[in-house]
Amino acid sequence: MLTRFVGTVFYADLSVGLDLFVDGLGMTVVHRDGDLAVLERDGAKIQLVQNAEAAAHSERPELGLETDDIEAVYRDVAARRPDLLHPNLPTVRLRPWGAREFALLDSTTVCVVVRQWPDAPNT
């Protein structure tokens, strides 16, 4: 059975991704093997790979993270790394499609949108 979807983001410099996901979002490195790092927090997981060629030839992704307590996640990120908050969505906002969201942006334009849908438990 499938249990989880794990995306991979390619970086020319892995430290940029670690800065966003570990320092910014508070994820933990659960596996590191050379140019591969697997990160996890609260059941969310992502792989970061240092590969300059792949990073140069791939679109910088927009990733979504769903939460059931967007205010707590926002407070954590804003206190930890306010410099990573996306200039177009730096605070929690109700979006036209009904989700409450805020976003982070790293120096390579990888964007992470943190989202809480109206039917999530802590709305």
PDB file of N, CA and C in Angstrom:
ATOM      1  N   MET A   1       0.835  -1.191   0.000  1.00  0.00           N
ATOM      2  CA  MET A   1       0.000   0.000   0.000  1.00  0.00           C
ATOM      3  C   MET A   1       0.874   1.246   0.000  1.00  0.00           C
ATOM      4  N   LEU A   2       0.400   2.264  -0.660  1.00  0.00           N
ATOM      5  CA  LEU A   2       1.097   3.541  -0.640  1.00  0.00           C
ATOM      6  C   LEU A   2       0.814   4.239   0.683  1.00  0.00           C
ATOM      7  N   THR A   3       1.839   4.805   1.288  1.00  0.00           N
ATOM      8  CA  THR A   3       1.636   5.449   2.588  1.00  0.00           C
ATOM      9  C   THR A   3       1.961   6.936   2.585  1.00  0.00           C
ATOM     10  N   ARG A   4       2.769   7.410   1.606  1.00  0.00           N
ATOM     11  CA  ARG A   4       3.161   8.813   1.635  1.00  0.00           C
ATOM     12  C   ARG A   4       3.756   9.198   0.294  1.00  0.00           C
ATOM     13  N   PHE A   5       3.484  10.414  -0.149  1.00  0.00           N
ATOM     14  CA  PHE A   5       4.127  10.975  -1.328  1.00  0.00           C
ATOM     15  C   PHE A   5       5.285  11.834  -0.836  1.00  0.00           C
ATOM     16  N   VAL A   6       6.476  11.606  -1.364  1.00  0.00           N
ATOM     17  CA  VAL A   6       7.650  12.369  -0.957  1.00  0.00           C
ATOM     18  C   VAL A   6       8.244  13.036  -2.193  1.00  0.00           C
ATOM     19  N   GLY A   7       8.187  14.356  -2.236  1.00  0.00           N
ATOM     20  CA  GLY A   7       8.755  15.096  -3.345  1.00  0.00           C
ATOM     21  C   GLY A   7      10.249  15.279  -3.173  1.00  0.00           C
ATOM     22  N   THR A   8      10.903  15.562  -4.294  1.00  0.00           N
ATOM     23  CA  THR A   8      12.337  15.816  -4.306  1.00  0.00           C
ATOM     24  C   THR A   8      12.585  17.184  -4.924  1.00  0.00           C
ATOM     25  N   VAL A   9      13.442  17.971  -4.294  1.00  0.00           N
ATOM     26  CA  VAL A   9      13.836  19.278  -4.819  1.00  0.00           C
ATOM     27  C   VAL A   9      15.338  19.245  -5.042  1.00  0.00           C
ATOM     28  N   PHE A  10      15.746  19.676  -6.225  1.00  0.00           N
ATOM     29  CA  PHE A  10      17.163  19.713  -6.583  1.00  0.00           C
ATOM     30  C   PHE A  10      17.730  21.098  -6.330  1.00  0.00           C
ATOM     31  N   TYR A  11      18.913  21.136  -5.740  1.00  0.00           N
ATOM     32  CA  TYR A  11      19.625  22.382  -5.450  1.00  0.00           C
ATOM     33  C   TYR A  11      21.041  22.293  -5.976  1.00  0.00           C
ATOM     34  N   ALA A  12      21.556  23.406  -6.476  1.00  0.00           N
ATOM     35  CA  ALA A  12      22.974  23.484  -6.822  1.00  0.00           C
ATOM     36  C   ALA A  12      23.804  23.468  -5.542  1.00  0.00           C
ATOM     37  N   ASP A  13      23.241  24.052  -4.476  1.00  0.00           N
ATOM     38  CA  ASP A  13      23.893  24.106  -3.168  1.00  0.00           C
ATOM     39  C   ASP A  13      22.894  23.618  -2.127  1.00  0.00           C
ATOM     40  N   LEU A  14      23.113  22.438  -1.616  1.00  0.00           N
ATOM     41  CA  LEU A  14      22.185  21.809  -0.671  1.00  0.00           C
ATOM     42  C   LEU A  14      21.928  22.674   0.558  1.00  0.00           C
ATOM     43  N   SER A  15      22.894  23.496   0.950  1.00  0.00           N
ATOM     44  CA  SER A  15      22.725  24.323   2.147  1.00  0.00           C
ATOM     45  C   SER A  15      21.558  25.302   2.006  1.00  0.00           C
ATOM     46  N   VAL A  16      21.220  25.714   0.778  1.00  0.00           N
ATOM     47  CA  VAL A  16      20.074  26.615   0.568  1.00  0.00           C
ATOM     48  C   VAL A  16      18.779  25.900   0.946  1.00  0.00           C
ATOM     49  N   GLY A  17      18.635  24.656   0.512  1.00  0.00           N
ATOM     50  CA  GLY A  17      17.447  23.881   0.859  1.00  0.00           C
ATOM     51  C   GLY A  17      17.372  23.563   2.339  1.00  0.00           C
ATOM     52  N   LEU A  18      18.508  23.232   2.926  1.00  0.00           N
ATOM     53  CA  LEU A  18      18.525  22.961   4.372  1.00  0.00           C
ATOM     54  C   LEU A  18      18.156  24.212   5.150  1.00  0.00           C
ATOM     55  N   ASP A  19      18.579  25.366   4.679  1.00  0.00           N
ATOM     56  CA  ASP A  19      18.227  26.626   5.324  1.00  0.00           C
ATOM     57  C   ASP A  19      16.715  26.831   5.323  1.00  0.00           C
ATOM     58  N   LEU A  20      16.079  26.603   4.173  1.00  0.00           N
ATOM     59  CA  LEU A  20      14.632  26.784   4.068  1.00  0.00           C
ATOM     60  C   LEU A  20      13.865  25.772   4.913  1.00  0.00           C
ATOM     61  N   PHE A  21      14.180  24.497   4.741  1.00  0.00           N
ATOM     62  CA  PHE A  21      13.366  23.457   5.354  1.00  0.00           C
ATOM     63  C   PHE A  21      13.747  23.143   6.800  1.00  0.00           C
ATOM     64  N   VAL A  22      15.017  23.187   7.149  1.00  0.00           N
ATOM     65  CA  VAL A  22      15.435  22.897   8.525  1.00  0.00           C
ATOM     66  C   VAL A  22      15.365  24.164   9.372  1.00  0.00           C
ATOM     67  N   ASP A  23      16.075  25.199   8.965  1.00  0.00           N
ATOM     68  CA  ASP A  23      16.090  26.432   9.758  1.00  0.00           C
ATOM     69  C   ASP A  23      14.770  27.182   9.666  1.00  0.00           C
ATOM     70  N   GLY A  24      14.145  27.195   8.487  1.00  0.00           N
ATOM     71  CA  GLY A  24      12.905  27.942   8.307  1.00  0.00           C
ATOM     72  C   GLY A  24      11.675  27.217   8.795  1.00  0.00           C
ATOM     73  N   LEU A  25      11.499  25.972   8.368  1.00  0.00           N
ATOM     74  CA  LEU A  25      10.292  25.219   8.719  1.00  0.00           C
ATOM     75  C   LEU A  25      10.471  24.284   9.900  1.00  0.00           C
ATOM     76  N   GLY A  26      11.671  24.180  10.423  1.00  0.00           N
ATOM     77  CA  GLY A  26      11.894  23.354  11.605  1.00  0.00           C
ATOM     78  C   GLY A  26      11.873  21.866  11.344  1.00  0.00           C
ATOM     79  N   MET A  27      12.135  21.455  10.105  1.00  0.00           N
ATOM     80  CA  MET A  27      12.191  20.028   9.796  1.00  0.00           C
ATOM     81  C   MET A  27      13.503  19.450  10.320  1.00  0.00           C
ATOM     82  N   THR A  28      13.537  18.146  10.476  1.00  0.00           N
ATOM     83  CA  THR A  28      14.700  17.436  10.993  1.00  0.00           C
ATOM     84  C   THR A  28      15.291  16.568   9.886  1.00  0.00           C
ATOM     85  N   VAL A  29      16.605  16.544   9.809  1.00  0.00           N
ATOM     86  CA  VAL A  29      17.282  15.647   8.872  1.00  0.00           C
ATOM     87  C   VAL A  29      17.190  14.239   9.456  1.00  0.00           C
ATOM     88  N   VAL A  30      16.483  13.355   8.744  1.00  0.00           N
ATOM     89  CA  VAL A  30      16.327  11.979   9.218  1.00  0.00           C
ATOM     90  C   VAL A  30      17.239  11.011   8.480  1.00  0.00           C
ATOM     91  N   HIS A  31      17.817  11.470   7.367  1.00  0.00           N
ATOM     92  CA  HIS A  31      18.786  10.649   6.626  1.00  0.00           C
ATOM     93  C   HIS A  31      19.655  11.585   5.799  1.00  0.00           C
ATOM     94  N   ARG A  32      20.935  11.323   5.792  1.00  0.00           N
ATOM     95  CA  ARG A  32      21.864  12.116   4.966  1.00  0.00           C
ATOM     96  C   ARG A  32      22.885  11.166   4.381  1.00  0.00           C
ATOM     97  N   ASP A  33      23.024  11.210   3.079  1.00  0.00           N
ATOM     98  CA  ASP A  33      23.973  10.348   2.388  1.00  0.00           C
ATOM     99  C   ASP A  33      24.563  11.153   1.239  1.00  0.00           C
ATOM    100  N   GLY A  34      25.716  11.733   1.457  1.00  0.00           N
ATOM    101  CA  GLY A  34      26.356  12.533   0.423  1.00  0.00           C
ATOM    102  C   GLY A  34      25.517  13.720   0.017  1.00  0.00           C
ATOM    103  N   ASP A  35      25.031  13.710  -1.217  1.00  0.00           N
ATOM    104  CA  ASP A  35      24.269  14.829  -1.759  1.00  0.00           C
ATOM    105  C   ASP A  35      22.760  14.679  -1.587  1.00  0.00           C
ATOM    106  N   LEU A  36      22.322  13.748  -0.762  1.00  0.00           N
ATOM    107  CA  LEU A  36      20.905  13.516  -0.513  1.00  0.00           C
ATOM    108  C   LEU A  36      20.604  13.751   0.960  1.00  0.00           C
ATOM    109  N   ALA A  37      19.555  14.517   1.226  1.00  0.00           N
ATOM    110  CA  ALA A  37      19.083  14.703   2.599  1.00  0.00           C
ATOM    111  C   ALA A  37      17.576  14.443   2.616  1.00  0.00           C
ATOM    112  N   VAL A  38      17.122  13.649   3.559  1.00  0.00           N
ATOM    113  CA  VAL A  38      15.701  13.389   3.755  1.00  0.00           C
ATOM    114  C   VAL A  38      15.302  14.106   5.037  1.00  0.00           C
ATOM    115  N   LEU A  39      14.262  14.927   4.932  1.00  0.00           N
ATOM    116  CA  LEU A  39      13.815  15.745   6.053  1.00  0.00           C
ATOM    117  C   LEU A  39      12.389  15.381   6.417  1.00  0.00           C
ATOM    118  N   GLU A  40      12.059  15.578   7.712  1.00  0.00           N
ATOM    119  CA  GLU A  40      10.716  15.243   8.164  1.00  0.00           C
ATOM    120  C   GLU A  40      10.314  16.125   9.325  1.00  0.00           C
ATOM    121  N   ARG A  41       9.030  16.421   9.393  1.00  0.00           N
ATOM    122  CA  ARG A  41       8.430  17.092  10.545  1.00  0.00           C
ATOM    123  C   ARG A  41       6.952  16.748  10.557  1.00  0.00           C
ATOM    124  N   ASP A  42       6.471  16.280  11.675  1.00  0.00           N
ATOM    125  CA  ASP A  42       5.047  16.002  11.877  1.00  0.00           C
ATOM    126  C   ASP A  42       4.455  15.111  10.788  1.00  0.00           C
ATOM    127  N   GLY A  43       5.233  14.175  10.266  1.00  0.00           N
ATOM    128  CA  GLY A  43       4.737  13.271   9.234  1.00  0.00           C
ATOM    129  C   GLY A  43       4.947  13.777   7.818  1.00  0.00           C
ATOM    130  N   ALA A  44       5.277  15.060   7.641  1.00  0.00           N
ATOM    131  CA  ALA A  44       5.593  15.588   6.312  1.00  0.00           C
ATOM    132  C   ALA A  44       7.048  15.267   6.012  1.00  0.00           C
ATOM    133  N   LYS A  45       7.329  14.863   4.790  1.00  0.00           N
ATOM    134  CA  LYS A  45       8.674  14.433   4.428  1.00  0.00           C
ATOM    135  C   LYS A  45       9.030  14.987   3.059  1.00  0.00           C
ATOM    136  N   ILE A  46      10.325  15.306   2.849  1.00  0.00           N
ATOM    137  CA  ILE A  46      10.823  15.785   1.569  1.00  0.00           C
ATOM    138  C   ILE A  46      12.266  15.339   1.405  1.00  0.00           C
ATOM    139  N   GLN A  47      12.667  15.158   0.159  1.00  0.00           N
ATOM    140  CA  GLN A  47      14.051  14.832  -0.161  1.00  0.00           C
ATOM    141  C   GLN A  47      14.681  16.038  -0.848  1.00  0.00           C
ATOM    142  N   LEU A  48      15.892  16.375  -0.443  1.00  0.00           N
ATOM    143  CA  LEU A  48      16.672  17.422  -1.098  1.00  0.00           C
ATOM    144  C   LEU A  48      17.898  16.761  -1.699  1.00  0.00           C
ATOM    145  N   VAL A  49      18.204  17.124  -2.940  1.00  0.00           N
ATOM    146  CA  VAL A  49      19.344  16.535  -3.623  1.00  0.00           C
ATOM    147  C   VAL A  49      20.215  17.657  -4.178  1.00  0.00           C
ATOM    148  N   GLN A  50      21.500  17.584  -3.883  1.00  0.00           N
ATOM    149  CA  GLN A  50      22.436  18.538  -4.466  1.00  0.00           C
ATOM    150  C   GLN A  50      22.856  18.010  -5.827  1.00  0.00           C
ATOM    151  N   ASN A  51      22.389  18.695  -6.859  1.00  0.00           N
ATOM    152  CA  ASN A  51      22.714  18.331  -8.232  1.00  0.00           C
ATOM    153  C   ASN A  51      22.535  19.597  -9.067  1.00  0.00           C
ATOM    154  N   ALA A  52      23.637  20.281  -9.328  1.00  0.00           N
ATOM    155  CA  ALA A  52      23.586  21.585  -9.998  1.00  0.00           C
ATOM    156  C   ALA A  52      22.959  21.489 -11.383  1.00  0.00           C
ATOM    157  N   GLU A  53      23.274  20.438 -12.112  1.00  0.00           N
ATOM    158  CA  GLU A  53      22.718  20.291 -13.461  1.00  0.00           C
ATOM    159  C   GLU A  53      21.197  20.127 -13.416  1.00  0.00           C
ATOM    160  N   ALA A  54      20.714  19.274 -12.537  1.00  0.00           N
ATOM    161  CA  ALA A  54      19.267  19.076 -12.418  1.00  0.00           C
ATOM    162  C   ALA A  54      18.590  20.350 -11.919  1.00  0.00           C
ATOM    163  N   ALA A  55      19.207  21.044 -10.987  1.00  0.00           N
ATOM    164  CA  ALA A  55      18.629  22.293 -10.471  1.00  0.00           C
ATOM    165  C   ALA A  55      18.542  23.350 -11.564  1.00  0.00           C
ATOM    166  N   ALA A  56      19.549  23.395 -12.432  1.00  0.00           N
ATOM    167  CA  ALA A  56      19.569  24.388 -13.509  1.00  0.00           C
ATOM    168  C   ALA A  56      18.536  24.083 -14.585  1.00  0.00           C
ATOM    169  N   HIS A  57      18.160  22.827 -14.733  1.00  0.00           N
ATOM    170  CA  HIS A  57      17.245  22.438 -15.801  1.00  0.00           C
ATOM    171  C   HIS A  57      15.837  22.121 -15.312  1.00  0.00           C
ATOM    172  N   SER A  58      15.559  22.405 -14.068  1.00  0.00           N
ATOM    173  CA  SER A  58      14.214  22.127 -13.558  1.00  0.00           C
ATOM    174  C   SER A  58      13.561  23.432 -13.109  1.00  0.00           C
ATOM    175  N   GLU A  59      12.262  23.454 -13.193  1.00  0.00           N
ATOM    176  CA  GLU A  59      11.514  24.589 -12.668  1.00  0.00           C
ATOM    177  C   GLU A  59      11.682  24.599 -11.159  1.00  0.00           C
ATOM    178  N   ARG A  60      11.786  25.767 -10.595  1.00  0.00           N
ATOM    179  CA  ARG A  60      11.837  25.850  -9.140  1.00  0.00           C
ATOM    180  C   ARG A  60      10.412  25.598  -8.658  1.00  0.00           C
ATOM    181  N   PRO A  61      10.230  24.617  -7.807  1.00  0.00           N
ATOM    182  CA  PRO A  61       8.868  24.192  -7.483  1.00  0.00           C
ATOM    183  C   PRO A  61       8.164  25.093  -6.483  1.00  0.00           C
ATOM    184  N   GLU A  62       6.847  25.012  -6.543  1.00  0.00           N
ATOM    185  CA  GLU A  62       5.994  25.522  -5.470  1.00  0.00           C
ATOM    186  C   GLU A  62       5.440  24.284  -4.783  1.00  0.00           C
ATOM    187  N   LEU A  63       5.741  24.173  -3.498  1.00  0.00           N
ATOM    188  CA  LEU A  63       5.324  23.019  -2.715  1.00  0.00           C
ATOM    189  C   LEU A  63       4.251  23.441  -1.729  1.00  0.00           C
ATOM    190  N   GLY A  64       3.301  22.579  -1.476  1.00  0.00           N
ATOM    191  CA  GLY A  64       2.262  22.856  -0.501  1.00  0.00           C
ATOM    192  C   GLY A  64       2.407  21.971   0.720  1.00  0.00           C
ATOM    193  N   LEU A  65       2.264  22.579   1.883  1.00  0.00           N
ATOM    194  CA  LEU A  65       2.229  21.830   3.143  1.00  0.00           C
ATOM    195  C   LEU A  65       0.889  22.121   3.801  1.00  0.00           C
ATOM    196  N   GLU A  66       0.123  21.090   4.088  1.00  0.00           N
ATOM    197  CA  GLU A  66      -1.151  21.283   4.771  1.00  0.00           C
ATOM    198  C   GLU A  66      -0.952  21.124   6.271  1.00  0.00           C
ATOM    199  N   THR A  67      -1.699  21.904   7.018  1.00  0.00           N
ATOM    200  CA  THR A  67      -1.619  21.885   8.474  1.00  0.00           C
ATOM    201  C   THR A  67      -3.021  21.952   9.058  1.00  0.00           C
ATOM    202  N   ASP A  68      -3.145  21.573  10.311  1.00  0.00           N
ATOM    203  CA  ASP A  68      -4.412  21.742  11.015  1.00  0.00           C
ATOM    204  C   ASP A  68      -4.315  22.880  12.038  1.00  0.00           C
ATOM    205  N   ASP A  69      -3.183  23.599  12.060  1.00  0.00           N
ATOM    206  CA  ASP A  69      -3.002  24.737  12.962  1.00  0.00           C
ATOM    207  C   ASP A  69      -2.065  25.761  12.312  1.00  0.00           C
ATOM    208  N   ILE A  70      -2.570  26.473  11.325  1.00  0.00           N
ATOM    209  CA  ILE A  70      -1.749  27.392  10.556  1.00  0.00           C
ATOM    210  C   ILE A  70      -1.188  28.526  11.407  1.00  0.00           C
ATOM    211  N   GLU A  71      -1.930  28.967  12.395  1.00  0.00           N
ATOM    212  CA  GLU A  71      -1.435  30.061  13.246  1.00  0.00           C
ATOM    213  C   GLU A  71      -0.181  29.631  14.012  1.00  0.00           C
ATOM    214  N   ALA A  72      -0.171  28.403  14.524  1.00  0.00           N
ATOM    215  CA  ALA A  72       1.001  27.909  15.262  1.00  0.00           C
ATOM    216  C   ALA A  72       2.200  27.762  14.337  1.00  0.00           C
ATOM    217  N   VAL A  73       1.985  27.236  13.140  1.00  0.00           N
ATOM    218  CA  VAL A  73       3.089  27.082  12.189  1.00  0.00           C
ATOM    219  C   VAL A  73       3.614  28.458  11.787  1.00  0.00           C
ATOM    220  N   TYR A  74       2.705  29.392  11.525  1.00  0.00           N
ATOM    221  CA  TYR A  74       3.126  30.745  11.152  1.00  0.00           C
ATOM    222  C   TYR A  74       3.954  31.399  12.268  1.00  0.00           C
ATOM    223  N   ARG A  75       3.477  31.317  13.506  1.00  0.00           N
ATOM    224  CA  ARG A  75       4.223  31.910  14.625  1.00  0.00           C
ATOM    225  C   ARG A  75       5.624  31.311  14.724  1.00  0.00           C
ATOM    226  N   ASP A  76       5.720  30.001  14.546  1.00  0.00           N
ATOM    227  CA  ASP A  76       7.016  29.317  14.613  1.00  0.00           C
ATOM    228  C   ASP A  76       7.953  29.816  13.513  1.00  0.00           C
ATOM    229  N   VAL A  77       7.476  29.846  12.271  1.00  0.00           N
ATOM    230  CA  VAL A  77       8.307  30.276  11.144  1.00  0.00           C
ATOM    231  C   VAL A  77       8.660  31.756  11.268  1.00  0.00           C
ATOM    232  N   ALA A  78       7.687  32.599  11.614  1.00  0.00           N
ATOM    233  CA  ALA A  78       7.927  34.041  11.723  1.00  0.00           C
ATOM    234  C   ALA A  78       8.942  34.350  12.817  1.00  0.00           C
ATOM    235  N   ALA A  79       8.929  33.579  13.887  1.00  0.00           N
ATOM    236  CA  ALA A  79       9.907  33.788  14.961  1.00  0.00           C
ATOM    237  C   ALA A  79      11.279  33.233  14.570  1.00  0.00           C
ATOM    238  N   ARG A  80      11.280  32.109  13.875  1.00  0.00           N
ATOM    239  CA  ARG A  80      12.513  31.422  13.503  1.00  0.00           C
ATOM    240  C   ARG A  80      13.222  32.132  12.367  1.00  0.00           C
ATOM    241  N   ARG A  81      12.515  32.414  11.262  1.00  0.00           N
ATOM    242  CA  ARG A  81      13.142  32.944  10.055  1.00  0.00           C
ATOM    243  C   ARG A  81      12.189  33.870   9.292  1.00  0.00           C
ATOM    244  N   PRO A  82      11.897  35.047   9.823  1.00  0.00           N
ATOM    245  CA  PRO A  82      10.996  35.958   9.108  1.00  0.00           C
ATOM    246  C   PRO A  82      11.524  36.365   7.741  1.00  0.00           C
ATOM    247  N   ASP A  83      12.831  36.290   7.536  1.00  0.00           N
ATOM    248  CA  ASP A  83      13.420  36.644   6.238  1.00  0.00           C
ATOM    249  C   ASP A  83      13.012  35.688   5.129  1.00  0.00           C
ATOM    250  N   LEU A  84      12.519  34.510   5.466  1.00  0.00           N
ATOM    251  CA  LEU A  84      12.085  33.545   4.461  1.00  0.00           C
ATOM    252  C   LEU A  84      10.616  33.706   4.068  1.00  0.00           C
ATOM    253  N   LEU A  85       9.868  34.565   4.753  1.00  0.00           N
ATOM    254  CA  LEU A  85       8.463  34.754   4.403  1.00  0.00           C
ATOM    255  C   LEU A  85       8.364  35.385   3.020  1.00  0.00           C
ATOM    256  N   HIS A  86       7.497  34.821   2.187  1.00  0.00           N
ATOM    257  CA  HIS A  86       7.344  35.259   0.797  1.00  0.00           C
ATOM    258  C   HIS A  86       6.795  36.691   0.770  1.00  0.00           C
ATOM    259  N   PRO A  87       7.403  37.582  -0.011  1.00  0.00           N
ATOM    260  CA  PRO A  87       6.930  38.967  -0.043  1.00  0.00           C
ATOM    261  C   PRO A  87       5.485  39.113  -0.529  1.00  0.00           C
ATOM    262  N   ASN A  88       4.975  38.175  -1.295  1.00  0.00           N
ATOM    263  CA  ASN A  88       3.591  38.253  -1.777  1.00  0.00           C
ATOM    264  C   ASN A  88       2.577  37.607  -0.841  1.00  0.00           C
ATOM    265  N   LEU A  89       3.048  36.862   0.155  1.00  0.00           N
ATOM    266  CA  LEU A  89       2.140  36.197   1.091  1.00  0.00           C
ATOM    267  C   LEU A  89       2.836  36.001   2.441  1.00  0.00           C
ATOM    268  N   PRO A  90       3.250  37.120   3.083  1.00  0.00           N
ATOM    269  CA  PRO A  90       4.053  37.021   4.301  1.00  0.00           C
ATOM    270  C   PRO A  90       3.253  36.803   5.582  1.00  0.00           C
ATOM    271  N   THR A  91       1.941  36.854   5.499  1.00  0.00           N
ATOM    272  CA  THR A  91       1.086  36.630   6.666  1.00  0.00           C
ATOM    273  C   THR A  91      -0.015  35.648   6.292  1.00  0.00           C
ATOM    274  N   VAL A  92      -0.688  35.109   7.283  1.00  0.00           N
ATOM    275  CA  VAL A  92      -1.787  34.183   7.032  1.00  0.00           C
ATOM    276  C   VAL A  92      -2.954  34.979   6.440  1.00  0.00           C
ATOM    277  N   ARG A  93      -3.419  34.511   5.286  1.00  0.00           N
ATOM    278  CA  ARG A  93      -4.530  35.178   4.598  1.00  0.00           C
ATOM    279  C   ARG A  93      -5.537  34.148   4.116  1.00  0.00           C
ATOM    280  N   LEU A  94      -6.801  34.556   4.136  1.00  0.00           N
ATOM    281  CA  LEU A  94      -7.856  33.735   3.557  1.00  0.00           C
ATOM    282  C   LEU A  94      -7.813  33.940   2.048  1.00  0.00           C
ATOM    283  N   ARG A  95      -7.667  32.857   1.317  1.00  0.00           N
ATOM    284  CA  ARG A  95      -7.553  32.927  -0.141  1.00  0.00           C
ATOM    285  C   ARG A  95      -8.921  32.722  -0.789  1.00  0.00           C
ATOM    286  N   PRO A  96      -9.104  33.171  -2.021  1.00  0.00           N
ATOM    287  CA  PRO A  96     -10.400  33.050  -2.691  1.00  0.00           C
ATOM    288  C   PRO A  96     -10.919  31.615  -2.782  1.00  0.00           C
ATOM    289  N   TRP A  97     -10.047  30.621  -2.751  1.00  0.00           N
ATOM    290  CA  TRP A  97     -10.465  29.223  -2.851  1.00  0.00           C
ATOM    291  C   TRP A  97     -10.792  28.620  -1.493  1.00  0.00           C
ATOM    292  N   GLY A  98     -10.779  29.443  -0.434  1.00  0.00           N
ATOM    293  CA  GLY A  98     -11.243  29.003   0.873  1.00  0.00           C
ATOM    294  C   GLY A  98     -10.187  28.567   1.861  1.00  0.00           C
ATOM    295  N   ALA A  99      -8.950  28.413   1.430  1.00  0.00           N
ATOM    296  CA  ALA A  99      -7.878  28.012   2.338  1.00  0.00           C
ATOM    297  C   ALA A  99      -7.246  29.244   2.968  1.00  0.00           C
ATOM    298  N   ARG A 100      -6.735  29.074   4.177  1.00  0.00           N
ATOM    299  CA  ARG A 100      -5.901  30.099   4.807  1.00  0.00           C
ATOM    300  C   ARG A 100      -4.462  29.709   4.524  1.00  0.00           C
ATOM    301  N   GLU A 101      -3.632  30.688   4.057  1.00  0.00           N
ATOM    302  CA  GLU A 101      -2.288  30.370   3.617  1.00  0.00           C
ATOM    303  C   GLU A 101      -1.291  31.460   3.976  1.00  0.00           C
ATOM    304  N   PHE A 102      -0.012  31.055   4.082  1.00  0.00           N
ATOM    305  CA  PHE A 102       1.125  31.955   4.037  1.00  0.00           C
ATOM    306  C   PHE A 102       2.219  31.196   3.297  1.00  0.00           C
ATOM    307  N   ALA A 103       3.282  31.914   2.889  1.00  0.00           N
ATOM    308  CA  ALA A 103       4.283  31.249   2.061  1.00  0.00           C
ATOM    309  C   ALA A 103       5.699  31.644   2.450  1.00  0.00           C
ATOM    310  N   LEU A 104       6.636  30.764   2.092  1.00  0.00           N
ATOM    311  CA  LEU A 104       8.064  31.006   2.263  1.00  0.00           C
ATOM    312  C   LEU A 104       8.718  30.949   0.887  1.00  0.00           C
ATOM    313  N   LEU A 105       9.840  31.655   0.745  1.00  0.00           N
ATOM    314  CA  LEU A 105      10.562  31.687  -0.524  1.00  0.00           C
ATOM    315  C   LEU A 105      12.045  31.689  -0.225  1.00  0.00           C
ATOM    316  N   ASP A 106      12.800  30.767  -0.864  1.00  0.00           N
ATOM    317  CA  ASP A 106      14.242  30.765  -0.646  1.00  0.00           C
ATOM    318  C   ASP A 106      14.961  31.539  -1.754  1.00  0.00           C
ATOM    319  N   SER A 107      16.257  31.632  -1.647  1.00  0.00           N
ATOM    320  CA  SER A 107      17.030  32.452  -2.582  1.00  0.00           C
ATOM    321  C   SER A 107      17.068  31.883  -3.998  1.00  0.00           C
ATOM    322  N   THR A 108      16.633  30.637  -4.190  1.00  0.00           N
ATOM    323  CA  THR A 108      16.580  30.055  -5.531  1.00  0.00           C
ATOM    324  C   THR A 108      15.162  30.054  -6.087  1.00  0.00           C
ATOM    325  N   THR A 109      14.242  30.676  -5.393  1.00  0.00           N
ATOM    326  CA  THR A 109      12.807  30.808  -5.710  1.00  0.00           C
ATOM    327  C   THR A 109      12.007  29.523  -5.524  1.00  0.00           C
ATOM    328  N   VAL A 110      12.479  28.612  -4.684  1.00  0.00           N
ATOM    329  CA  VAL A 110      11.619  27.515  -4.255  1.00  0.00           C
ATOM    330  C   VAL A 110      10.615  28.132  -3.290  1.00  0.00           C
ATOM    331  N   CYS A 111       9.345  27.869  -3.552  1.00  0.00           N
ATOM    332  CA  CYS A 111       8.261  28.442  -2.739  1.00  0.00           C
ATOM    333  C   CYS A 111       7.556  27.314  -1.987  1.00  0.00           C
ATOM    334  N   VAL A 112       7.287  27.547  -0.703  1.00  0.00           N
ATOM    335  CA  VAL A 112       6.513  26.615   0.105  1.00  0.00           C
ATOM    336  C   VAL A 112       5.295  27.362   0.618  1.00  0.00           C
ATOM    337  N   VAL A 113       4.110  26.881   0.230  1.00  0.00           N
ATOM    338  CA  VAL A 113       2.855  27.466   0.686  1.00  0.00           C
ATOM    339  C   VAL A 113       2.325  26.587   1.810  1.00  0.00           C
ATOM    340  N   VAL A 114       2.118  27.189   2.972  1.00  0.00           N
ATOM    341  CA  VAL A 114       1.538  26.464   4.109  1.00  0.00           C
ATOM    342  C   VAL A 114       0.054  26.787   4.099  1.00  0.00           C
ATOM    343  N   ARG A 115      -0.764  25.745   4.179  1.00  0.00           N
ATOM    344  CA  ARG A 115      -2.195  25.888   3.904  1.00  0.00           C
ATOM    345  C   ARG A 115      -3.027  25.136   4.934  1.00  0.00           C
ATOM    346  N   GLN A 116      -4.132  25.771   5.330  1.00  0.00           N
ATOM    347  CA  GLN A 116      -5.132  25.105   6.170  1.00  0.00           C
ATOM    348  C   GLN A 116      -6.483  25.251   5.493  1.00  0.00           C
ATOM    349  N   TRP A 117      -7.095  24.121   5.222  1.00  0.00           N
ATOM    350  CA  TRP A 117      -8.411  24.117   4.594  1.00  0.00           C
ATOM    351  C   TRP A 117      -9.494  24.327   5.649  1.00  0.00           C
ATOM    352  N   PRO A 118     -10.650  24.844   5.267  1.00  0.00           N
ATOM    353  CA  PRO A 118     -11.695  25.169   6.242  1.00  0.00           C
ATOM    354  C   PRO A 118     -12.160  23.989   7.078  1.00  0.00           C
ATOM    355  N   ASP A 119     -12.072  22.772   6.545  1.00  0.00           N
ATOM    356  CA  ASP A 119     -12.545  21.612   7.295  1.00  0.00           C
ATOM    357  C   ASP A 119     -11.483  20.987   8.180  1.00  0.00           C
ATOM    358  N   ALA A 120     -10.285  21.615   8.252  1.00  0.00           N
ATOM    359  CA  ALA A 120      -9.245  21.095   9.147  1.00  0.00           C
ATOM    360  C   ALA A 120      -9.685  21.318  10.593  1.00  0.00           C
ATOM    361  N   PRO A 121      -9.278  20.449  11.513  1.00  0.00           N
ATOM    362  CA  PRO A 121      -9.785  20.477  12.894  1.00  0.00           C
ATOM    363  C   PRO A 121      -9.675  21.812  13.630  1.00  0.00           C
ATOM    364  N   ASN A 122      -8.598  22.571  13.495  1.00  0.00           N
ATOM    365  CA  ASN A 122      -8.418  23.785  14.290  1.00  0.00           C
ATOM    366  C   ASN A 122      -8.845  25.059  13.590  1.00  0.00           C
ATOM    367  N   THR A 123      -9.828  25.010  12.697  1.00  0.00           N
ATOM    368  CA  THR A 123     -10.259  26.226  12.000  1.00  0.00           C
ATOM    369  C   THR A 123     -11.135  27.065  12.887  1.00  0.00           C
TER     370      THR A 123
END
